[in-house]
Amino acid sequence: MSLYDIKEAVLKQPSLLQYSINSTLRTKLDFFVQELGMEESSVSRLVKLAPAVLGLSLTDNLRPKVASIMKLCDLSPCEIGYIVSTSPQELLLSQKNKIEPTLRYLWTALMLKKPRELGEIVLKAPRVLRQGIETSLARKIEMLTNCNAQKSRSIAISIILNNPSLLT
């Protein structure tokens, strides 16, 4: 991580200067590298784009959040690492109020049969987790379904599964 990256992170999240190197920062950085298989450059990007992640509790927040996504989406730790590398802000979302409800909604609305299908959506378009259910996802799914009403809902779902970024 360059001095410029550190400066940028501290300007966004001044409380970084208060964290213990060994008990807070190092344990989280090790979590990202060792458990999620992230490259150091990806961890630097995470710190630069979402420095508040370093203030989250590893045991009460990060690990449960990662475990929940892994379970609901049938993803490996390295795949979660890829998602975090691509879009680190997802770790700042609430597990109970945002991530899990969004994943459950997509599961139901898209009539998915396997958790891995949901995982593929999140892998291809991690920002889908940031979308509001009623204000964004439901409207987009409804629009795509209505456009294909003469054909079938399954075609609209197929379109979304092949290009989940339509939901973001």
Protein backbone atom coordinates (compact mmCIF):
# COMPACT_ATOMS: atom_id res chain seq x y z
CA MET A 1 0.00 0.00 0.00
CA SER A 2 1.42 3.36 -0.96
CA LEU A 3 1.67 6.32 1.36
CA TYR A 4 -0.87 8.08 -0.87
CA ASP A 5 -3.35 5.20 -0.41
CA ILE A 6 -2.90 5.31 3.36
CA LYS A 7 -3.38 9.07 3.36
CA GLU A 8 -6.57 8.73 1.31
CA ALA A 9 -7.92 6.03 3.65
CA VAL A 10 -7.15 8.08 6.77
CA LEU A 11 -8.80 11.16 5.27
CA LYS A 12 -11.97 9.10 4.66
CA GLN A 13 -11.79 7.31 8.00
CA PRO A 14 -9.64 9.23 10.54
CA SER A 15 -10.44 6.67 13.24
CA LEU A 16 -8.00 4.30 11.47
CA LEU A 17 -5.27 6.08 13.41
CA GLN A 18 -6.85 4.92 16.69
CA TYR A 19 -6.90 1.20 15.86
CA SER A 20 -4.38 -1.16 17.36
CA ILE A 21 -1.98 -2.50 14.76
CA ASN A 22 -1.82 -6.04 16.16
CA SER A 23 -5.29 -6.65 17.56
CA THR A 24 -7.36 -4.73 15.01
CA LEU A 25 -5.63 -3.93 11.75
CA ARG A 26 -3.36 -6.96 11.34
CA THR A 27 -6.10 -9.48 12.25
CA LYS A 28 -8.45 -8.02 9.66
CA LEU A 29 -5.79 -7.77 6.98
CA ASP A 30 -4.83 -11.40 7.70
CA PHE A 31 -8.50 -12.38 7.43
CA PHE A 32 -8.74 -10.86 3.96
CA VAL A 33 -5.47 -12.37 2.72
CA GLN A 34 -5.43 -15.76 4.45
CA GLU A 35 -9.10 -16.65 4.80
CA LEU A 36 -10.59 -14.95 1.74
CA GLY A 37 -7.53 -15.44 -0.47
CA MET A 38 -7.34 -11.80 -1.51
CA GLU A 39 -4.21 -10.41 -3.13
CA GLU A 40 -2.45 -7.62 -1.26
CA SER A 41 -3.33 -5.20 -4.07
CA SER A 42 -7.02 -6.03 -3.58
CA VAL A 43 -6.73 -5.48 0.16
CA SER A 44 -5.10 -2.10 -0.54
CA ARG A 45 -8.02 -1.25 -2.82
CA LEU A 46 -10.47 -2.29 -0.08
CA VAL A 47 -8.74 -0.06 2.48
CA LYS A 48 -8.69 2.82 0.01
CA LEU A 49 -12.34 2.52 -1.10
CA ALA A 50 -13.99 1.32 2.11
CA PRO A 51 -11.69 2.05 5.06
CA ALA A 52 -14.61 1.78 7.48
CA VAL A 53 -14.45 -1.99 6.96
CA LEU A 54 -11.36 -2.03 9.19
CA GLY A 55 -13.50 -0.72 12.05
CA LEU A 56 -15.97 -3.61 11.83
CA SER A 57 -15.72 -6.43 14.34
CA LEU A 58 -14.17 -9.54 12.85
CA THR A 59 -16.11 -11.90 15.11
CA ASP A 60 -19.42 -10.04 15.36
CA ASN A 61 -19.66 -8.57 11.87
CA LEU A 62 -17.25 -9.63 9.12
CA ARG A 63 -17.09 -13.40 9.70
CA PRO A 64 -20.88 -13.80 10.20
CA LYS A 65 -21.56 -11.65 7.11
CA VAL A 66 -19.17 -13.69 4.98
CA ALA A 67 -20.56 -16.96 6.36
CA SER A 68 -24.12 -15.87 5.58
CA ILE A 69 -23.29 -14.98 1.97
CA MET A 70 -21.32 -18.21 1.56
CA LYS A 71 -24.25 -20.29 2.83
CA LEU A 72 -27.06 -18.51 0.97
CA CYS A 73 -25.10 -18.36 -2.30
CA ASP A 74 -23.06 -21.57 -2.10
CA LEU A 75 -19.80 -19.66 -2.53
CA SER A 76 -16.28 -20.46 -1.36
CA PRO A 77 -14.21 -18.10 0.81
CA CYS A 78 -12.07 -17.22 -2.23
CA GLU A 79 -15.20 -16.33 -4.20
CA ILE A 80 -16.25 -14.02 -1.38
CA GLY A 81 -12.74 -12.58 -1.56
CA TYR A 82 -13.30 -11.93 -5.26
CA ILE A 83 -16.60 -10.17 -4.51
CA VAL A 84 -14.92 -8.02 -1.84
CA SER A 85 -12.06 -7.26 -4.26
CA THR A 86 -14.54 -6.17 -6.90
CA SER A 87 -16.85 -4.21 -4.65
CA PRO A 88 -15.57 -3.74 -1.08
CA GLN A 89 -18.50 -1.55 0.00
CA GLU A 90 -20.69 -4.67 0.24
CA LEU A 91 -19.01 -5.47 3.55
CA LEU A 92 -20.44 -2.25 4.97
CA LEU A 93 -24.01 -3.40 4.34
CA SER A 94 -26.11 -4.77 7.19
CA GLN A 95 -26.29 -8.54 7.17
CA LYS A 96 -29.78 -8.72 8.71
CA ASN A 97 -31.36 -5.62 7.17
CA LYS A 98 -29.83 -5.56 3.70
CA ILE A 99 -27.79 -8.56 2.53
CA GLU A 100 -29.98 -11.44 3.69
CA PRO A 101 -33.32 -9.82 2.72
CA THR A 102 -31.94 -8.94 -0.73
CA LEU A 103 -30.64 -12.47 -1.30
CA ARG A 104 -33.92 -14.02 -0.12
CA TYR A 105 -35.90 -11.68 -2.37
CA LEU A 106 -33.80 -12.57 -5.41
CA TRP A 107 -34.11 -16.27 -4.60
CA THR A 108 -37.90 -16.01 -4.54
CA ALA A 109 -38.46 -13.46 -7.31
CA LEU A 110 -36.20 -15.27 -9.76
CA MET A 111 -37.52 -18.70 -8.72
CA LEU A 112 -34.02 -20.05 -8.30
CA LYS A 113 -33.57 -23.73 -7.66
CA LYS A 114 -29.99 -23.87 -6.36
CA PRO A 115 -28.12 -21.51 -4.03
CA ARG A 116 -25.24 -21.53 -6.54
CA GLU A 117 -27.49 -19.73 -9.06
CA LEU A 118 -27.81 -16.90 -6.55
CA GLY A 119 -24.06 -17.06 -6.03
CA GLU A 120 -23.45 -16.62 -9.75
CA ILE A 121 -25.58 -13.47 -9.73
CA VAL A 122 -23.62 -12.01 -6.83
CA LEU A 123 -20.29 -13.00 -8.39
CA LYS A 124 -21.19 -11.31 -11.67
CA ALA A 125 -22.82 -8.24 -10.13
CA PRO A 126 -21.94 -7.78 -6.43
CA ARG A 127 -23.53 -4.33 -6.40
CA VAL A 128 -26.92 -6.03 -6.65
CA LEU A 129 -26.66 -6.31 -2.84
CA ARG A 130 -26.82 -2.51 -2.57
CA GLN A 131 -30.06 -2.20 -4.51
CA GLY A 132 -33.31 -1.52 -2.70
CA ILE A 133 -35.81 -4.34 -3.00
CA GLU A 134 -38.93 -2.23 -3.56
CA THR A 135 -37.26 0.82 -5.07
CA SER A 136 -35.02 -1.00 -7.54
CA LEU A 137 -34.95 -4.79 -7.79
CA ALA A 138 -38.70 -5.45 -7.80
CA ARG A 139 -39.29 -2.74 -10.40
CA LYS A 140 -36.53 -4.01 -12.69
CA ILE A 141 -37.63 -7.62 -12.44
CA GLU A 142 -41.25 -6.58 -13.06
CA MET A 143 -40.26 -4.48 -16.08
CA LEU A 144 -38.25 -7.32 -17.61
CA THR A 145 -41.06 -9.74 -16.89
CA ASN A 146 -43.68 -7.43 -18.45
CA CYS A 147 -41.54 -6.89 -21.54
CA ASN A 148 -41.51 -10.62 -22.05
CA ALA A 149 -45.07 -11.31 -20.87
CA GLN A 150 -46.07 -12.65 -24.23
CA LYS A 151 -43.25 -15.19 -24.05
CA SER A 152 -42.94 -16.11 -20.40
CA ARG A 153 -41.62 -15.14 -17.04
CA SER A 154 -38.94 -17.81 -17.35
CA ILE A 155 -37.39 -15.99 -20.32
CA ALA A 156 -37.13 -12.79 -18.26
CA ILE A 157 -35.54 -14.73 -15.44
CA SER A 158 -33.11 -16.32 -17.88
CA ILE A 159 -32.15 -12.86 -19.17
CA ILE A 160 -31.44 -11.70 -15.61
CA LEU A 161 -29.45 -14.82 -14.75
CA ASN A 162 -27.30 -14.35 -17.86
CA ASN A 163 -26.81 -10.64 -17.23
CA PRO A 164 -27.39 -9.82 -13.53
CA SER A 165 -25.85 -6.38 -13.95
CA LEU A 166 -29.24 -5.37 -15.37
CA LEU A 167 -30.36 -5.26 -11.75
CA THR A 168 -27.73 -2.71 -10.69
